[in-house]
Amino acid sequence: MNPYLVICGMAVVTLLPRLLPAALIDRLPMSPRVERFLRLIPYTAMTALIVPGVVKVDPEQPLAGIIGAAVAVVISLIRPKPIYAICGAVLSAMAVMALL
């Protein structure tokens, strides 16, 4: 069997389940509860990215993880886009680790 054909087939099979919901989501009626749930997904993803870093922070510098998490919370309260909180947490943790 041709490996390129297999790769193309796997790409199509992977792409369709991701593409179809994105294309059809605007046509489906959603309740306010479902819309709110979908709006909160980026924040849950941000939490999933930051919490393991706080828990597994360098044992010699636990303050870096705590400050990074605190900065992420504060920034997410000020700016609703998760990228700002993620960048702020990473940069503040790096600054603390560099200064200590």
Protein backbone atom coordinates (compact mmCIF):
# COMPACT_ATOMS: atom_id res chain seq x y z
CA MET A 1 0.00 0.00 0.00
CA ASN A 2 1.20 3.48 -0.87
CA PRO A 3 2.29 5.29 2.34
CA TYR A 4 1.36 8.70 0.90
CA LEU A 5 -2.18 7.48 0.26
CA VAL A 6 -2.39 6.22 3.84
CA ILE A 7 -1.14 9.57 5.19
CA CYS A 8 -3.66 11.49 3.07
CA GLY A 9 -6.46 9.19 4.23
CA MET A 10 -5.51 9.66 7.87
CA ALA A 11 -5.39 13.42 7.36
CA VAL A 12 -8.93 13.43 5.94
CA VAL A 13 -10.23 11.20 8.72
CA THR A 14 -8.64 13.49 11.32
CA LEU A 15 -9.74 16.72 9.67
CA LEU A 16 -13.43 15.90 9.13
CA PRO A 17 -14.44 15.55 12.82
CA ARG A 18 -12.75 18.86 13.53
CA LEU A 19 -13.99 20.76 10.49
CA LEU A 20 -17.64 19.70 10.44
CA PRO A 21 -18.59 21.03 13.90
CA ALA A 22 -16.80 24.31 13.19
CA ALA A 23 -18.68 24.69 9.90
CA LEU A 24 -22.08 23.72 11.32
CA ILE A 25 -21.98 25.42 14.72
CA ASP A 26 -23.50 28.69 13.46
CA ARG A 27 -26.53 26.88 12.05
CA LEU A 28 -27.48 25.13 15.29
CA PRO A 29 -29.70 26.93 17.80
CA MET A 30 -27.98 27.10 21.18
CA SER A 31 -29.33 27.94 24.56
CA PRO A 32 -27.63 30.68 26.60
CA ARG A 33 -26.32 27.98 28.93
CA VAL A 34 -24.51 26.19 26.07
CA GLU A 35 -23.14 29.48 24.75
CA ARG A 36 -21.79 30.32 28.19
CA PHE A 37 -20.21 26.87 28.45
CA LEU A 38 -18.48 27.34 25.09
CA ARG A 39 -17.21 30.78 26.10
CA LEU A 40 -15.60 29.30 29.24
CA ILE A 41 -13.58 26.66 27.39
CA PRO A 42 -10.51 28.91 26.87
CA TYR A 43 -10.34 29.57 30.62
CA THR A 44 -10.45 25.87 31.44
CA ALA A 45 -7.69 25.28 28.91
CA MET A 46 -5.66 28.06 30.51
CA THR A 47 -6.13 26.44 33.90
CA ALA A 48 -5.05 23.09 32.51
CA LEU A 49 -1.86 24.71 31.22
CA ILE A 50 -0.96 26.72 34.31
CA VAL A 51 -1.88 24.46 37.25
CA PRO A 52 0.60 21.67 36.39
CA GLY A 53 3.32 24.30 36.16
CA VAL A 54 2.42 25.65 39.58
CA VAL A 55 2.30 22.16 41.09
CA LYS A 56 5.55 20.97 39.50
CA VAL A 57 7.47 24.19 39.92
CA ASP A 58 11.17 24.06 40.75
CA PRO A 59 11.39 22.83 44.36
CA GLU A 60 14.14 25.36 45.01
CA GLN A 61 11.96 28.28 43.85
CA PRO A 62 8.30 27.56 44.64
CA LEU A 63 7.59 31.28 44.72
CA ALA A 64 7.92 31.44 40.91
CA GLY A 65 4.90 29.19 40.40
CA ILE A 66 2.80 30.95 43.01
CA ILE A 67 3.53 34.39 41.58
CA GLY A 68 2.93 33.14 38.04
CA ALA A 69 -0.47 31.77 39.02
CA ALA A 70 -1.39 34.97 40.86
CA VAL A 71 -0.40 37.09 37.87
CA ALA A 72 -2.48 34.86 35.59
CA VAL A 73 -5.54 35.31 37.80
CA VAL A 74 -5.15 39.08 38.00
CA ILE A 75 -4.58 39.49 34.27
CA SER A 76 -7.51 37.24 33.41
CA LEU A 77 -9.74 39.45 35.56
CA ILE A 78 -8.52 42.57 33.76
CA ARG A 79 -8.24 41.28 30.17
CA PRO A 80 -10.67 38.55 29.12
CA LYS A 81 -8.41 37.02 26.44
CA PRO A 82 -6.49 34.02 27.82
CA ILE A 83 -3.31 34.72 25.85
CA TYR A 84 -2.59 37.76 28.00
CA ALA A 85 -2.85 35.75 31.21
CA ILE A 86 -0.70 32.93 29.84
CA CYS A 87 2.04 35.31 28.66
CA GLY A 88 1.92 37.27 31.90
CA ALA A 89 2.21 34.14 34.02
CA VAL A 90 5.14 32.78 32.03
CA LEU A 91 6.99 36.10 31.99
CA SER A 92 6.46 36.76 35.70
CA ALA A 93 7.59 33.26 36.65
CA MET A 94 10.68 33.65 34.47
CA ALA A 95 11.42 37.03 36.08
CA VAL A 96 11.11 35.60 39.58
CA MET A 97 13.38 32.68 38.69
CA ALA A 98 15.95 35.07 37.20
CA LEU A 99 15.88 37.38 40.22
CA LEU A 100 16.07 34.68 42.88
